[in-house]
């Protein structure tokens, strides 16, 4: 898995040999681990636990001090694992 964190987007690319993922939480956990390896201080959390009015199953990755967050903007339409399994998924990065 290759994770490229930009200003407004986070692009996650599936590399040859990476397994298919069927769980949104597991995918975001692996993205979080890659971001930690890159030196970012991040956590994965359910969005509603931070007071966001979204589905109670939607996860996101945020900087520990709450400066920015990574989330899948098309969550209401499909899961990000569908895009990841096809090769690439783009997450949105917003300042909080």
C-alpha atoms as a PDB file:
ATOM      1  CA  UNK A   1       0.000   0.000   0.000  1.00  0.00           C
ATOM      2  CA  UNK A   2       1.254   3.422  -0.960  1.00  0.00           C
ATOM      3  CA  UNK A   3      -0.178   6.508   0.782  1.00  0.00           C
ATOM      4  CA  UNK A   4       0.377  10.005  -0.609  1.00  0.00           C
ATOM      5  CA  UNK A   5      -0.922  12.799   1.625  1.00  0.00           C
ATOM      6  CA  UNK A   6      -1.508  16.071  -0.186  1.00  0.00           C
ATOM      7  CA  UNK A   7      -3.060  19.395   0.772  1.00  0.00           C
ATOM      8  CA  UNK A   8      -6.680  18.498  -0.108  1.00  0.00           C
ATOM      9  CA  UNK A   9      -6.486  14.797  -0.933  1.00  0.00           C
ATOM     10  CA  UNK A  10      -4.970  11.580   0.330  1.00  0.00           C
ATOM     11  CA  UNK A  11      -4.377   9.032  -2.424  1.00  0.00           C
ATOM     12  CA  UNK A  12      -4.041   5.383  -1.440  1.00  0.00           C
ATOM     13  CA  UNK A  13      -2.753   3.001  -4.100  1.00  0.00           C
ATOM     14  CA  UNK A  14      -2.929  -0.770  -3.925  1.00  0.00           C
ATOM     15  CA  UNK A  15       0.388  -2.356  -4.830  1.00  0.00           C
ATOM     16  CA  UNK A  16       0.914  -5.821  -6.347  1.00  0.00           C
ATOM     17  CA  UNK A  17       0.764  -8.429  -3.605  1.00  0.00           C
ATOM     18  CA  UNK A  18      -1.519  -6.414  -1.326  1.00  0.00           C
ATOM     19  CA  UNK A  19      -4.581  -8.424  -0.253  1.00  0.00           C
ATOM     20  CA  UNK A  20      -8.162  -7.464  -1.105  1.00  0.00           C
ATOM     21  CA  UNK A  21      -9.866  -5.695   1.773  1.00  0.00           C
ATOM     22  CA  UNK A  22     -13.571  -5.930   2.531  1.00  0.00           C
ATOM     23  CA  UNK A  23     -13.730  -3.874   5.721  1.00  0.00           C
ATOM     24  CA  UNK A  24     -13.655  -0.069   5.823  1.00  0.00           C
ATOM     25  CA  UNK A  25     -12.186  -0.043   9.322  1.00  0.00           C
ATOM     26  CA  UNK A  26      -9.320  -2.354   8.361  1.00  0.00           C
ATOM     27  CA  UNK A  27      -8.452  -0.257   5.303  1.00  0.00           C
ATOM     28  CA  UNK A  28      -8.336   2.950   7.326  1.00  0.00           C
ATOM     29  CA  UNK A  29      -6.278   1.206  10.022  1.00  0.00           C
ATOM     30  CA  UNK A  30      -3.672   0.271   7.418  1.00  0.00           C
ATOM     31  CA  UNK A  31      -3.690   3.817   6.035  1.00  0.00           C
ATOM     32  CA  UNK A  32      -3.205   5.107   9.584  1.00  0.00           C
ATOM     33  CA  UNK A  33      -0.220   2.789  10.119  1.00  0.00           C
ATOM     34  CA  UNK A  34       1.367   4.030   6.878  1.00  0.00           C
ATOM     35  CA  UNK A  35       0.835   7.665   7.897  1.00  0.00           C
ATOM     36  CA  UNK A  36       2.424   6.986  11.291  1.00  0.00           C
ATOM     37  CA  UNK A  37       5.433   5.475   9.478  1.00  0.00           C
ATOM     38  CA  UNK A  38       5.659   8.744   7.503  1.00  0.00           C
ATOM     39  CA  UNK A  39       5.848  10.694  10.774  1.00  0.00           C
ATOM     40  CA  UNK A  40       2.255  11.926  11.178  1.00  0.00           C
ATOM     41  CA  UNK A  41       0.593  11.787  14.616  1.00  0.00           C
ATOM     42  CA  UNK A  42      -2.831  10.417  13.650  1.00  0.00           C
ATOM     43  CA  UNK A  43      -5.656   8.333  15.088  1.00  0.00           C
ATOM     44  CA  UNK A  44      -8.563   6.465  13.483  1.00  0.00           C
ATOM     45  CA  UNK A  45     -11.944   7.142  15.023  1.00  0.00           C
ATOM     46  CA  UNK A  46     -15.672   6.852  14.416  1.00  0.00           C
ATOM     47  CA  UNK A  47     -16.835  10.252  13.210  1.00  0.00           C
ATOM     48  CA  UNK A  48     -19.967  10.451  15.349  1.00  0.00           C
ATOM     49  CA  UNK A  49     -17.891  10.119  18.536  1.00  0.00           C
ATOM     50  CA  UNK A  50     -16.332  13.498  17.768  1.00  0.00           C
ATOM     51  CA  UNK A  51     -19.766  15.080  17.403  1.00  0.00           C
ATOM     52  CA  UNK A  52     -20.099  14.935  13.608  1.00  0.00           C
ATOM     53  CA  UNK A  53     -23.628  14.287  12.378  1.00  0.00           C
ATOM     54  CA  UNK A  54     -22.931  11.311  10.102  1.00  0.00           C
ATOM     55  CA  UNK A  55     -23.654   7.588  10.011  1.00  0.00           C
ATOM     56  CA  UNK A  56     -22.587   5.824  13.192  1.00  0.00           C
ATOM     57  CA  UNK A  57     -20.433   3.422  11.138  1.00  0.00           C
ATOM     58  CA  UNK A  58     -18.302   6.004   9.293  1.00  0.00           C
ATOM     59  CA  UNK A  59     -14.632   6.130  10.302  1.00  0.00           C
ATOM     60  CA  UNK A  60     -12.041   8.788   9.655  1.00  0.00           C
ATOM     61  CA  UNK A  61      -8.403   9.497  10.352  1.00  0.00           C
ATOM     62  CA  UNK A  62      -7.566  12.722  12.097  1.00  0.00           C
ATOM     63  CA  UNK A  63      -4.484  14.425  13.375  1.00  0.00           C
ATOM     64  CA  UNK A  64      -4.308  13.853  17.122  1.00  0.00           C
ATOM     65  CA  UNK A  65      -4.593  17.560  17.968  1.00  0.00           C
ATOM     66  CA  UNK A  66      -7.515  17.996  15.571  1.00  0.00           C
ATOM     67  CA  UNK A  67      -5.906  20.189  12.917  1.00  0.00           C
ATOM     68  CA  UNK A  68      -6.989  18.104   9.893  1.00  0.00           C
ATOM     69  CA  UNK A  69      -8.905  14.944   9.028  1.00  0.00           C
ATOM     70  CA  UNK A  70      -9.004  12.375   6.212  1.00  0.00           C
ATOM     71  CA  UNK A  71     -12.393  10.959   5.236  1.00  0.00           C
ATOM     72  CA  UNK A  72     -14.149   9.334   2.278  1.00  0.00           C
ATOM     73  CA  UNK A  73     -16.572  11.894   0.873  1.00  0.00           C
ATOM     74  CA  UNK A  74     -18.592   9.318  -1.128  1.00  0.00           C
ATOM     75  CA  UNK A  75     -19.343   7.148   1.928  1.00  0.00           C
ATOM     76  CA  UNK A  76     -23.114   7.500   1.433  1.00  0.00           C
ATOM     77  CA  UNK A  77     -22.798   6.052  -2.082  1.00  0.00           C
ATOM     78  CA  UNK A  78     -20.204   3.289  -1.733  1.00  0.00           C
ATOM     79  CA  UNK A  79     -17.409   2.011   0.475  1.00  0.00           C
ATOM     80  CA  UNK A  80     -13.828   3.073  -0.122  1.00  0.00           C
ATOM     81  CA  UNK A  81     -12.783  -0.595  -0.135  1.00  0.00           C
ATOM     82  CA  UNK A  82     -14.478  -0.967  -3.535  1.00  0.00           C
ATOM     83  CA  UNK A  83     -12.199   1.708  -5.022  1.00  0.00           C
ATOM     84  CA  UNK A  84      -9.124   0.377  -3.190  1.00  0.00           C
ATOM     85  CA  UNK A  85      -9.649  -3.161  -4.468  1.00  0.00           C
ATOM     86  CA  UNK A  86      -9.722  -1.779  -8.024  1.00  0.00           C
ATOM     87  CA  UNK A  87      -6.373  -0.075  -7.490  1.00  0.00           C
ATOM     88  CA  UNK A  88      -6.741   3.457  -6.120  1.00  0.00           C
ATOM     89  CA  UNK A  89      -8.906   5.368  -3.656  1.00  0.00           C
ATOM     90  CA  UNK A  90      -8.962   9.114  -3.045  1.00  0.00           C
ATOM     91  CA  UNK A  91      -9.850  10.480   0.380  1.00  0.00           C
ATOM     92  CA  UNK A  92     -10.650  14.086   1.166  1.00  0.00           C
ATOM     93  CA  UNK A  93      -8.439  16.060   3.576  1.00  0.00           C
ATOM     94  CA  UNK A  94     -10.113  18.913   5.485  1.00  0.00           C
ATOM     95  CA  UNK A  95      -8.889  21.297   8.141  1.00  0.00           C
ATOM     96  CA  UNK A  96     -10.994  21.083  11.312  1.00  0.00           C
END
